[in-house]
Amino acid sequence: MVLTLNGPVTRVEKIGLGVAMALALALMWQVRHYVTDDTFIHLQYAKHLAAGQGFVFNHGEHVYGSTSPLWVALIADGIALGLDGLWTARVLGMLATLWSVLLFFQLMRRNLRMPELRALATITWAGHAWMARWSLSGMETPLAVALVLAGFVAFTEGKQWGSRPVRTGALWALAALTRPEAVFLLVLWAVFLVVDTDSREGVRRLIAGALPPVLIYGGWLLFARLYFGTFWPNTLSAKVAGGTGWAYLFETFMRQIKIVGATDAALAGAMVAAMAFGGTRLWPRRFQAQRLLPWVWVGIVPVLYVMRGVPVLSRYLVPLMPVLAWLAWRAVERWWAGEEPAPDLRRGAALLGVGLASLALVQNLLVFNNVVMPQVTSFSAGLRQSLIPWGEWFDQHTKPTATIAAPDIGALGYFSERRVVDLAGLVTPAMVPLLDKEQPEDLVANFSFAAVARPDYLVDRSARAYDLLSRSRFAAALTPIGNASVPNLGVARPGAVVYSFYRVDWAAYDSLGATR
């Protein structure tokens, strides 16, 4: 039988929760100025949605280029109320981060017997470096984490797991509208509900659990098919264009190992040890198939990323990490203390818990200070001195009908208020087949994008200023108008780059093309 809340919150739990909330706020304060280019993709969609122009990035182009419609809708609500879009996204991220701490604490209350371990586990989660990194970025990650956790809190309520199917299904359906990884939660949820349908009560859970996802997520899929012409975001296809082959797949796998290991190696190691030496303590003698759901979800999402060749960032994996932490703490408690721990076992388990929590916290704080903060600082500064001011420049110095082709579209599109041709294919899906044939830099140098659109301006991203003039045979069709250096382009593309901006003379291009 699964644990339920027993009695009032103990003093040690209150102290632990207070420390956890203070720690989360302290880490968030240090990243309060963080901003990413992808944030402005959400803001662009939200701005147009709030203005009544539809769920679009470019006016009149119904392209499913956002993987987080719920996040866009919430930001649009703030903009419609007269609030700044970025400020709204940051506040929502802060509230969702604090909510995730409370939900994690509640999950520990439902699954751990020892108040000391509940408090230590909550403090450890509050200090998670990757969660802190994305908390105030304006991205959807904090909300996705909170909704996933809320679903697991509902999932573990009652006499047995899965006893609250309506609430669980509704929360995970909302999570699926925030991050696509949560779609697999819904799929697994449905599978395990079917497997456990061996009685009238099982049939009732199946119907009750399926109805909210069908109404919420199914309703969105129907809208997406009618509005965008597709069920799935074009973003997913564009990301697959990042690479292929066994070497790339292995690189994707190792990248995920490094991301998770950087922050969760201590907990993962403790969980592996518990599973190796804990024996029958870890599993009840009789249990429903649904008890496998969190294990399968944590394991299957990274595998699917590898199979799809997705270039993984830490924010893609963060929704899985509190679930991994929950499973780890639950495993080590059962290993150290058993089902009904005696006083001496409780004391020993509490001391071991202090050691594990300290090790995990030190690991995360080192990652936060040595990895997160340098990247956040340099990338935010680079964006503010490159794409943001250039977006404002296009707004002030170009015609409203001008079109800009660029590999990074968020800030340029949001601040310029001009139509953008996305050279990465996120909101210009016609680019994806071209990216399957050519590397991005070759696609730009060869002007292959001309088969999709003829933009008035072109943005090139390379190692040095105006590099395109030396590597493209269509250089005579390009007039340089400026450049901006960026010391760090983020986790996916670390290192310095230079954005070069050009005006395109299509008459000259046609002339050059005719004499090939």
Protein backbone atom coordinates (compact mmCIF):
# COMPACT_ATOMS: atom_id res chain seq x y z
CA MET A 1 0.00 0.00 0.00
CA VAL A 2 1.31 3.46 -0.89
CA LEU A 3 1.95 5.99 1.84
CA THR A 4 -0.50 8.79 2.51
CA LEU A 5 -0.07 11.99 4.45
CA ASN A 6 0.10 11.11 8.13
CA GLY A 7 -0.55 13.81 10.66
CA PRO A 8 0.65 17.40 10.66
CA VAL A 9 3.92 18.56 9.15
CA THR A 10 6.71 17.98 11.62
CA ARG A 11 9.08 20.67 12.86
CA VAL A 12 12.02 19.25 10.90
CA GLU A 13 9.89 19.27 7.74
CA LYS A 14 8.86 22.89 8.28
CA ILE A 15 12.50 23.88 8.72
CA GLY A 16 13.49 21.88 5.65
CA LEU A 17 10.77 23.44 3.52
CA GLY A 18 11.73 26.93 4.70
CA VAL A 19 15.38 26.33 3.86
CA ALA A 20 14.40 24.90 0.48
CA MET A 21 12.28 27.91 -0.46
CA ALA A 22 15.01 30.32 0.65
CA LEU A 23 17.62 28.38 -1.34
CA ALA A 24 15.47 28.41 -4.48
CA LEU A 25 14.89 32.16 -4.17
CA ALA A 26 18.61 32.80 -3.60
CA LEU A 27 19.58 30.88 -6.74
CA MET A 28 16.84 32.53 -8.80
CA TRP A 29 18.03 35.98 -7.74
CA GLN A 30 21.42 35.29 -9.29
CA VAL A 31 19.92 34.40 -12.69
CA ARG A 32 17.28 37.15 -12.72
CA HIS A 33 18.78 38.78 -15.85
CA TYR A 34 19.06 35.59 -17.88
CA VAL A 35 17.50 35.72 -21.32
CA THR A 36 17.64 33.37 -24.31
CA ASP A 37 16.76 33.83 -27.95
CA ASP A 38 14.17 31.05 -27.71
CA THR A 39 12.38 33.07 -25.03
CA PHE A 40 11.51 35.64 -27.65
CA ILE A 41 10.00 32.97 -29.89
CA HIS A 42 7.44 32.35 -27.15
CA LEU A 43 7.01 36.09 -26.69
CA GLN A 44 6.48 36.64 -30.41
CA TYR A 45 3.72 34.05 -30.52
CA ALA A 46 2.22 35.45 -27.31
CA LYS A 47 2.35 39.04 -28.58
CA HIS A 48 0.44 38.17 -31.74
CA LEU A 49 -2.02 35.99 -29.83
CA ALA A 50 -2.74 38.80 -27.35
CA ALA A 51 -3.26 41.24 -30.23
CA GLY A 52 -5.85 38.98 -31.83
CA GLN A 53 -3.60 38.03 -34.75
CA GLY A 54 -3.66 34.33 -33.97
CA PHE A 55 -1.14 31.74 -32.82
CA VAL A 56 1.53 32.86 -35.32
CA PHE A 57 5.17 33.93 -35.40
CA ASN A 58 4.85 35.89 -38.68
CA HIS A 59 1.62 37.65 -39.54
CA GLY A 60 -0.68 35.39 -41.53
CA GLU A 61 1.59 32.31 -41.40
CA HIS A 62 -0.07 29.48 -39.50
CA VAL A 63 3.06 27.54 -38.61
CA TYR A 64 3.22 25.29 -35.55
CA GLY A 65 6.62 26.53 -34.40
CA SER A 66 6.13 26.45 -30.61
CA THR A 67 6.24 23.28 -28.53
CA SER A 68 4.57 25.00 -25.57
CA PRO A 69 1.10 26.35 -26.44
CA LEU A 70 0.06 26.55 -22.78
CA TRP A 71 3.09 28.68 -21.91
CA VAL A 72 2.41 30.98 -24.88
CA ALA A 73 -1.23 31.34 -23.84
CA LEU A 74 -0.31 32.27 -20.25
CA ILE A 75 2.16 34.93 -21.41
CA ALA A 76 -0.44 36.22 -23.88
CA ASP A 77 -2.87 36.64 -20.98
CA GLY A 78 -0.34 38.84 -19.21
CA ILE A 79 0.31 40.91 -22.33
CA ALA A 80 -3.45 41.32 -22.89
CA LEU A 81 -3.66 42.73 -19.36
CA GLY A 82 -1.06 45.36 -20.26
CA LEU A 83 1.96 43.65 -18.69
CA ASP A 84 5.38 43.32 -20.32
CA GLY A 85 5.77 39.92 -21.97
CA LEU A 86 9.26 39.15 -20.66
CA TRP A 87 8.34 40.31 -17.14
CA THR A 88 5.24 38.09 -17.25
CA ALA A 89 7.30 35.08 -18.33
CA ARG A 90 9.83 35.65 -15.54
CA VAL A 91 7.14 35.96 -12.86
CA LEU A 92 5.41 32.83 -14.11
CA GLY A 93 8.75 31.01 -14.05
CA MET A 94 9.44 32.12 -10.48
CA LEU A 95 6.01 31.02 -9.27
CA ALA A 96 6.29 27.67 -11.07
CA THR A 97 9.74 27.07 -9.58
CA LEU A 98 8.52 27.70 -6.04
CA TRP A 99 5.46 25.58 -6.76
CA SER A 100 7.73 22.74 -7.88
CA VAL A 101 9.54 22.87 -4.52
CA LEU A 102 6.22 22.63 -2.67
CA LEU A 103 5.06 19.80 -4.93
CA PHE A 104 8.31 17.90 -4.49
CA PHE A 105 7.90 18.24 -0.72
CA GLN A 106 4.35 16.92 -1.01
CA LEU A 107 5.56 14.00 -3.13
CA MET A 108 8.14 13.16 -0.47
CA ARG A 109 5.43 13.31 2.19
CA ARG A 110 3.45 10.71 0.27
CA ASN A 111 6.36 8.39 -0.42
CA LEU A 112 8.95 8.62 2.36
CA ARG A 113 8.34 7.52 5.94
CA MET A 114 11.08 9.55 7.61
CA PRO A 115 10.50 13.31 8.07
CA GLU A 116 14.25 13.88 8.12
CA LEU A 117 14.68 12.41 4.66
CA ARG A 118 11.65 14.31 3.36
CA ALA A 119 13.24 17.58 4.48
CA LEU A 120 16.68 16.70 3.11
CA ALA A 121 15.29 15.58 -0.24
CA THR A 122 13.28 18.81 -0.64
CA ILE A 123 16.29 20.99 0.15
CA THR A 124 18.35 19.03 -2.36
CA TRP A 125 15.78 19.53 -5.11
CA ALA A 126 15.52 23.26 -4.36
CA GLY A 127 19.26 23.56 -5.03
CA HIS A 128 19.16 21.82 -8.40
CA ALA A 129 21.45 23.73 -10.75
CA TRP A 130 19.62 23.08 -14.04
CA MET A 131 16.24 23.93 -12.53
CA ALA A 132 17.68 27.19 -11.21
CA ARG A 133 19.23 27.95 -14.59
CA TRP A 134 15.90 27.94 -16.41
CA SER A 135 13.75 29.32 -13.58
CA LEU A 136 13.71 32.97 -14.73
CA SER A 137 14.77 32.49 -18.34
CA GLY A 138 11.26 33.08 -19.64
CA MET A 139 11.19 29.51 -20.97
CA GLU A 140 8.48 26.97 -20.21
CA THR A 141 10.69 24.57 -18.23
CA PRO A 142 9.58 25.53 -14.68
CA LEU A 143 5.91 25.15 -15.54
CA ALA A 144 6.54 21.77 -17.18
CA VAL A 145 8.38 20.56 -14.07
CA ALA A 146 5.59 21.76 -11.78
CA LEU A 147 2.82 20.12 -13.83
CA VAL A 148 4.73 16.82 -14.09
CA LEU A 149 5.25 16.84 -10.33
CA ALA A 150 1.64 17.81 -9.66
CA GLY A 151 0.57 14.84 -11.75
CA PHE A 152 2.81 12.48 -9.78
CA VAL A 153 1.48 13.87 -6.50
CA ALA A 154 -2.04 13.05 -7.70
CA PHE A 155 -0.82 9.72 -9.09
CA THR A 156 0.49 8.60 -5.67
CA GLU A 157 -2.59 9.69 -3.70
CA GLY A 158 -5.09 7.26 -2.23
CA LYS A 159 -4.87 3.65 -1.17
CA GLN A 160 -2.90 2.68 -4.27
CA TRP A 161 -1.12 4.49 -7.05
CA GLY A 162 -3.49 5.66 -9.76
CA SER A 163 -6.48 6.10 -7.45
CA ARG A 164 -6.96 9.71 -8.61
CA PRO A 165 -7.11 9.20 -12.40
CA VAL A 166 -9.09 12.34 -13.30
CA ARG A 167 -6.70 14.74 -11.61
CA THR A 168 -3.62 12.82 -12.77
CA GLY A 169 -4.74 12.73 -16.39
CA ALA A 170 -5.71 16.41 -16.41
CA LEU A 171 -2.39 17.58 -14.95
CA TRP A 172 -0.30 15.47 -17.32
CA ALA A 173 -2.39 16.65 -20.27
CA LEU A 174 -1.53 20.23 -19.29
CA ALA A 175 2.11 19.19 -18.94
CA ALA A 176 1.98 17.80 -22.49
CA LEU A 177 0.81 21.24 -23.67
CA THR A 178 3.88 22.69 -21.99
CA ARG A 179 6.65 20.24 -22.96
CA PRO A 180 6.36 17.46 -25.59
CA GLU A 181 8.18 14.97 -23.33
CA ALA A 182 5.07 14.81 -21.18
CA VAL A 183 3.13 13.32 -24.10
CA PHE A 184 4.91 10.06 -23.33
CA LEU A 185 3.60 10.28 -19.77
CA LEU A 186 0.09 10.26 -21.21
CA VAL A 187 0.91 7.32 -23.46
CA LEU A 188 2.41 5.31 -20.61
CA TRP A 189 -0.44 6.32 -18.33
CA ALA A 190 -2.91 4.92 -20.86
CA VAL A 191 -0.91 1.72 -21.35
CA PHE A 192 -0.65 0.97 -17.65
CA LEU A 193 -4.31 1.80 -17.07
CA VAL A 194 -5.20 -0.79 -19.71
CA VAL A 195 -2.80 -3.37 -18.21
CA ASP A 196 -4.36 -2.89 -14.77
CA THR A 197 -7.93 -3.14 -16.06
CA ASP A 198 -8.71 -6.49 -14.45
CA SER A 199 -11.83 -5.52 -12.50
CA ARG A 200 -14.75 -3.13 -12.50
CA GLU A 201 -12.64 -0.69 -10.50
CA GLY A 202 -9.91 -0.93 -13.13
CA VAL A 203 -12.38 -0.12 -15.89
CA ARG A 204 -13.58 2.89 -13.92
CA ARG A 205 -9.99 4.16 -13.55
CA LEU A 206 -9.36 3.62 -17.25
CA ILE A 207 -12.37 5.69 -18.30
CA ALA A 208 -11.77 8.39 -15.69
CA GLY A 209 -8.07 8.58 -16.48
CA ALA A 210 -8.53 8.76 -20.25
CA LEU A 211 -11.27 11.38 -20.34
CA PRO A 212 -9.25 14.50 -19.26
CA PRO A 213 -6.35 13.89 -21.71
CA VAL A 214 -8.82 13.25 -24.54
CA LEU A 215 -10.64 16.50 -23.82
CA ILE A 216 -7.59 18.67 -23.04
CA TYR A 217 -4.78 17.35 -25.22
CA GLY A 218 -7.05 15.81 -27.81
CA GLY A 219 -8.85 19.12 -28.14
CA TRP A 220 -5.55 20.88 -28.79
CA LEU A 221 -4.49 18.29 -31.38
CA LEU A 222 -7.76 18.83 -33.22
CA PHE A 223 -7.24 22.59 -33.16
CA ALA A 224 -3.62 22.20 -34.33
CA ARG A 225 -4.66 20.01 -37.25
CA LEU A 226 -7.31 22.50 -38.35
CA TYR A 227 -5.25 25.64 -37.71
CA PHE A 228 -1.71 24.58 -38.64
CA GLY A 229 -2.47 21.62 -40.87
CA THR A 230 -0.43 19.30 -38.66
CA PHE A 231 -0.72 17.55 -35.31
CA TRP A 232 2.93 18.03 -34.34
CA PRO A 233 5.19 21.08 -34.00
CA ASN A 234 7.49 21.76 -36.94
CA THR A 235 10.12 22.36 -34.27
CA LEU A 236 10.45 18.60 -33.80
CA SER A 237 11.31 18.06 -37.47
CA ALA A 238 13.71 20.99 -37.47
CA LYS A 239 15.63 19.63 -34.48
CA VAL A 240 16.17 16.28 -36.16
CA ALA A 241 18.02 18.17 -38.87
CA GLY A 242 20.79 18.63 -36.31
CA GLY A 243 22.57 15.38 -37.20
CA THR A 244 22.38 11.73 -38.23
CA GLY A 245 24.47 8.58 -38.08
CA TRP A 246 25.64 6.32 -35.27
CA ALA A 247 28.41 8.67 -34.18
CA TYR A 248 25.92 11.52 -33.75
CA LEU A 249 23.47 9.27 -31.88
CA PHE A 250 26.24 8.18 -29.52
CA GLU A 251 27.21 11.80 -29.01
CA THR A 252 23.57 12.61 -28.18
CA PHE A 253 23.46 9.77 -25.65
CA MET A 254 26.71 10.83 -23.97
CA ARG A 255 25.53 14.43 -23.84
CA GLN A 256 22.48 13.37 -21.86
CA ILE A 257 24.64 11.31 -19.50
CA LYS A 258 26.85 14.35 -18.90
CA ILE A 259 23.89 16.68 -18.30
CA VAL A 260 22.23 14.36 -15.78
CA GLY A 261 25.51 13.30 -14.21
CA ALA A 262 26.61 16.88 -13.63
CA THR A 263 23.77 17.46 -11.17
CA ASP A 264 22.40 14.05 -10.21
CA ALA A 265 25.36 11.68 -10.14
CA ALA A 266 25.24 11.36 -6.35
CA LEU A 267 21.54 10.51 -6.24
CA ALA A 268 21.74 8.23 -9.28
CA GLY A 269 24.72 6.41 -7.76
CA ALA A 270 22.86 5.96 -4.47
CA MET A 271 19.83 4.61 -6.33
CA VAL A 272 21.93 2.10 -8.27
CA ALA A 273 23.55 0.95 -5.03
CA ALA A 274 20.13 0.60 -3.37
CA MET A 275 18.84 -1.47 -6.27
CA ALA A 276 21.96 -3.65 -6.17
CA PHE A 277 22.00 -4.24 -2.42
CA GLY A 278 18.49 -3.40 -1.24
CA GLY A 279 16.99 -6.68 -2.35
CA THR A 280 13.28 -7.24 -1.81
CA ARG A 281 12.99 -4.14 0.37
CA LEU A 282 12.65 -1.96 -2.71
CA TRP A 283 9.55 -3.60 -4.16
CA PRO A 284 6.32 -4.69 -2.52
CA ARG A 285 5.35 -8.32 -2.96
CA ARG A 286 2.24 -7.37 -4.91
CA PHE A 287 1.93 -4.23 -6.92
CA GLN A 288 0.14 -2.79 -9.92
CA ALA A 289 1.86 -2.30 -13.24
CA GLN A 290 1.36 1.44 -12.77
CA ARG A 291 4.16 1.43 -10.22
CA LEU A 292 6.55 1.00 -13.13
CA LEU A 293 5.33 4.20 -14.81
CA PRO A 294 7.86 6.69 -13.35
CA TRP A 295 10.74 4.28 -13.96
CA VAL A 296 9.75 3.66 -17.56
CA TRP A 297 9.17 7.35 -18.29
CA VAL A 298 12.55 8.41 -16.89
CA GLY A 299 14.20 5.69 -18.95
CA ILE A 300 12.32 5.99 -22.23
CA VAL A 301 12.53 9.74 -22.88
CA PRO A 302 16.35 9.82 -23.18
CA VAL A 303 16.19 6.78 -25.47
CA LEU A 304 13.64 8.50 -27.71
CA TYR A 305 15.88 11.56 -27.88
CA VAL A 306 18.74 9.38 -29.06
CA MET A 307 16.56 7.61 -31.62
CA ARG A 308 15.35 10.96 -32.98
CA GLY A 309 18.82 12.49 -33.02
CA VAL A 310 17.64 15.51 -31.02
CA PRO A 311 20.49 17.83 -29.90
CA VAL A 312 19.55 17.75 -26.22
CA LEU A 313 19.77 20.75 -23.88
CA SER A 314 19.47 20.58 -20.11
CA ARG A 315 15.96 22.06 -20.19
CA TYR A 316 14.71 19.06 -22.17
CA LEU A 317 15.71 16.76 -19.30
CA VAL A 318 14.80 18.90 -16.29
CA PRO A 319 11.17 17.62 -16.10
CA LEU A 320 12.60 14.11 -15.60
CA MET A 321 15.06 15.07 -12.88
CA PRO A 322 12.73 15.52 -9.88
CA VAL A 323 11.17 12.15 -10.74
CA LEU A 324 14.65 10.61 -10.78
CA ALA A 325 15.36 12.27 -7.42
CA TRP A 326 12.10 10.95 -5.97
CA LEU A 327 12.87 7.40 -7.07
CA ALA A 328 16.40 7.68 -5.69
CA TRP A 329 15.33 8.93 -2.25
CA ARG A 330 12.58 6.33 -2.05
CA ALA A 331 15.02 3.56 -2.95
CA VAL A 332 17.70 4.59 -0.47
CA GLU A 333 15.19 4.98 2.38
CA ARG A 334 13.90 1.46 1.84
CA TRP A 335 17.46 0.17 1.57
CA TRP A 336 18.69 1.95 4.70
CA ALA A 337 15.62 1.75 6.93
CA GLY A 338 13.17 -0.77 5.48
CA GLU A 339 9.37 -0.62 5.56
CA GLU A 340 9.02 -0.04 9.32
CA PRO A 341 12.36 1.36 10.52
CA ALA A 342 13.41 0.79 14.10
CA PRO A 343 14.82 3.78 16.05
CA ASP A 344 18.43 2.77 15.51
CA LEU A 345 17.84 2.27 11.78
CA ARG A 346 16.12 5.67 11.61
CA ARG A 347 19.11 7.40 13.17
CA GLY A 348 21.52 5.69 10.83
CA ALA A 349 19.35 6.44 7.80
CA ALA A 350 19.07 10.09 8.84
CA LEU A 351 22.85 10.42 9.09
CA LEU A 352 23.32 8.75 5.72
CA GLY A 353 20.66 11.10 4.34
CA VAL A 354 22.58 14.12 5.57
CA GLY A 355 25.68 12.82 3.82
CA LEU A 356 23.84 12.13 0.55
CA ALA A 357 22.05 15.48 0.60
CA SER A 358 25.30 17.31 1.34
CA LEU A 359 27.09 15.55 -1.50
CA ALA A 360 24.26 16.28 -3.94
CA LEU A 361 24.00 19.92 -2.88
CA VAL A 362 27.73 20.52 -3.15
CA GLN A 363 27.67 18.96 -6.61
CA ASN A 364 24.81 21.20 -7.73
CA LEU A 365 26.19 24.39 -6.23
CA LEU A 366 29.54 23.76 -7.93
CA VAL A 367 27.75 23.27 -11.26
CA PHE A 368 25.69 26.38 -10.64
CA ASN A 369 28.70 28.56 -9.84
CA ASN A 370 31.19 27.09 -12.33
CA VAL A 371 28.95 26.23 -15.27
CA VAL A 372 25.53 27.86 -15.05
CA MET A 373 26.48 31.35 -13.94
CA PRO A 374 29.34 31.88 -16.45
CA GLN A 375 27.12 30.67 -19.29
CA VAL A 376 24.12 32.70 -18.15
CA THR A 377 26.19 35.85 -17.77
CA SER A 378 28.08 35.64 -21.05
CA PHE A 379 25.15 34.49 -23.16
CA SER A 380 22.76 37.13 -21.80
CA ALA A 381 25.34 39.87 -22.37
CA GLY A 382 26.01 38.59 -25.88
CA LEU A 383 22.32 38.57 -26.79
CA ARG A 384 21.86 42.10 -25.46
CA GLN A 385 24.73 43.40 -27.57
CA SER A 386 23.85 41.55 -30.77
CA LEU A 387 20.42 40.28 -31.79
CA ILE A 388 18.34 42.49 -29.49
CA PRO A 389 19.81 45.83 -30.65
CA TRP A 390 19.86 44.63 -34.26
CA GLY A 391 16.19 43.70 -33.99
CA GLU A 392 15.54 47.26 -32.82
CA TRP A 393 17.67 48.58 -35.70
CA PHE A 394 15.56 46.73 -38.27
CA ASP A 395 12.43 48.14 -36.65
CA GLN A 396 13.73 51.70 -36.99
CA HIS A 397 15.54 51.55 -40.35
CA THR A 398 13.64 49.19 -42.64
CA LYS A 399 10.26 49.15 -44.32
CA PRO A 400 7.43 47.38 -42.46
CA THR A 401 7.21 44.96 -45.38
CA ALA A 402 10.90 43.97 -45.19
CA THR A 403 11.86 40.32 -44.71
CA ILE A 404 14.88 39.06 -42.75
CA ALA A 405 16.46 35.61 -43.14
CA ALA A 406 18.33 34.48 -40.01
CA PRO A 407 19.49 31.31 -38.21
CA ASP A 408 18.33 32.63 -34.81
CA ILE A 409 14.94 34.29 -35.06
CA GLY A 410 13.57 35.06 -31.58
CA ALA A 411 14.95 38.47 -30.69
CA LEU A 412 15.15 39.62 -34.32
CA GLY A 413 11.51 38.79 -34.96
CA TYR A 414 10.23 40.13 -31.64
CA PHE A 415 12.04 43.48 -31.70
CA SER A 416 12.02 44.16 -35.45
CA GLU A 417 8.34 43.31 -35.99
CA ARG A 418 9.35 42.19 -39.47
CA ARG A 419 8.64 38.94 -41.25
CA VAL A 420 11.42 36.44 -40.59
CA VAL A 421 12.59 33.54 -42.75
CA ASP A 422 13.93 30.94 -40.33
CA LEU A 423 17.09 29.39 -41.78
CA ALA A 424 16.92 26.70 -39.08
CA GLY A 425 13.43 25.65 -40.14
CA LEU A 426 11.64 26.18 -36.81
CA VAL A 427 8.98 28.54 -38.20
CA THR A 428 9.84 28.09 -41.87
CA PRO A 429 9.30 24.34 -42.34
CA ALA A 430 10.16 24.47 -46.04
CA MET A 431 13.79 24.88 -44.93
CA VAL A 432 13.96 21.46 -43.26
CA PRO A 433 14.31 19.39 -46.48
CA LEU A 434 17.13 21.71 -47.56
CA LEU A 435 18.88 21.23 -44.21
CA ASP A 436 18.70 17.48 -44.74
CA LYS A 437 20.87 17.96 -47.84
CA GLU A 438 23.26 20.73 -46.76
CA GLN A 439 24.96 22.01 -43.65
CA PRO A 440 23.51 25.36 -42.46
CA GLU A 441 26.62 27.34 -43.44
CA ASP A 442 26.61 25.79 -46.94
CA LEU A 443 22.91 26.44 -47.35
CA VAL A 444 23.53 30.14 -46.71
CA ALA A 445 26.67 30.35 -48.86
CA ASN A 446 24.94 28.66 -51.79
CA PHE A 447 21.81 30.79 -51.40
CA SER A 448 19.77 27.58 -51.33
CA PHE A 449 17.19 29.39 -49.21
CA ALA A 450 16.24 31.34 -52.35
CA ALA A 451 14.10 28.36 -53.32
CA VAL A 452 11.94 29.12 -50.26
CA ALA A 453 12.03 32.93 -50.03
CA ARG A 454 13.90 35.99 -51.25
CA PRO A 455 14.48 38.06 -48.10
CA ASP A 456 15.56 41.69 -48.19
CA TYR A 457 18.16 41.08 -45.49
CA LEU A 458 20.34 38.12 -44.58
CA VAL A 459 22.00 37.28 -41.26
CA ASP A 460 25.02 34.99 -41.31
CA ARG A 461 26.52 33.33 -38.24
CA SER A 462 30.19 32.39 -38.50
CA ALA A 463 33.58 32.62 -36.81
CA ARG A 464 34.52 36.04 -38.18
CA ALA A 465 32.84 39.17 -39.50
CA TYR A 466 31.66 39.14 -43.13
CA ASP A 467 32.94 35.61 -43.64
CA LEU A 468 30.14 35.01 -46.14
CA LEU A 469 31.78 37.44 -48.59
CA SER A 470 34.74 35.07 -48.93
CA ARG A 471 32.92 31.75 -48.96
CA SER A 472 29.95 32.53 -51.21
CA ARG A 473 30.10 33.00 -54.96
CA PHE A 474 27.11 35.32 -54.62
CA ALA A 475 29.08 37.84 -52.55
CA ALA A 476 28.43 40.57 -55.16
CA ALA A 477 24.73 40.37 -54.25
CA LEU A 478 25.48 41.20 -50.61
CA THR A 479 25.96 44.66 -49.08
CA PRO A 480 27.36 44.51 -45.52
CA ILE A 481 25.45 46.72 -43.07
CA GLY A 482 27.07 45.69 -39.76
CA ASN A 483 28.10 42.89 -37.46
CA ALA A 484 27.99 41.93 -33.79
CA SER A 485 30.29 39.64 -31.82
CA VAL A 486 28.89 37.20 -29.26
CA PRO A 487 31.30 35.65 -26.73
CA ASN A 488 29.06 32.66 -26.02
CA LEU A 489 26.17 31.34 -28.08
CA GLY A 490 24.88 29.07 -25.32
CA VAL A 491 25.08 25.44 -24.30
CA ALA A 492 24.14 24.00 -27.69
CA ARG A 493 26.78 26.03 -29.54
CA PRO A 494 29.41 27.14 -27.02
CA GLY A 495 32.10 29.54 -28.08
CA ALA A 496 32.35 32.93 -29.75
CA VAL A 497 30.58 33.71 -33.00
CA VAL A 498 29.95 36.78 -35.12
CA TYR A 499 26.63 37.75 -36.65
CA SER A 500 27.05 39.59 -39.96
CA PHE A 501 24.13 41.51 -41.46
CA TYR A 502 23.67 42.06 -45.19
CA ARG A 503 21.27 43.71 -47.59
CA VAL A 504 20.50 41.36 -50.50
CA ASP A 505 20.42 42.54 -54.11
CA TRP A 506 18.34 39.92 -55.89
CA ALA A 507 18.89 41.48 -59.30
CA ALA A 508 22.62 40.94 -58.83
CA TYR A 509 21.95 37.37 -57.65
CA ASP A 510 19.92 36.64 -60.76
CA SER A 511 22.70 38.07 -62.89
CA LEU A 512 25.30 35.89 -61.18
CA GLY A 513 23.08 32.84 -61.43
CA ALA A 514 22.55 33.34 -65.16
CA THR A 515 26.30 33.21 -65.86
CA ARG A 516 27.11 30.04 -63.92
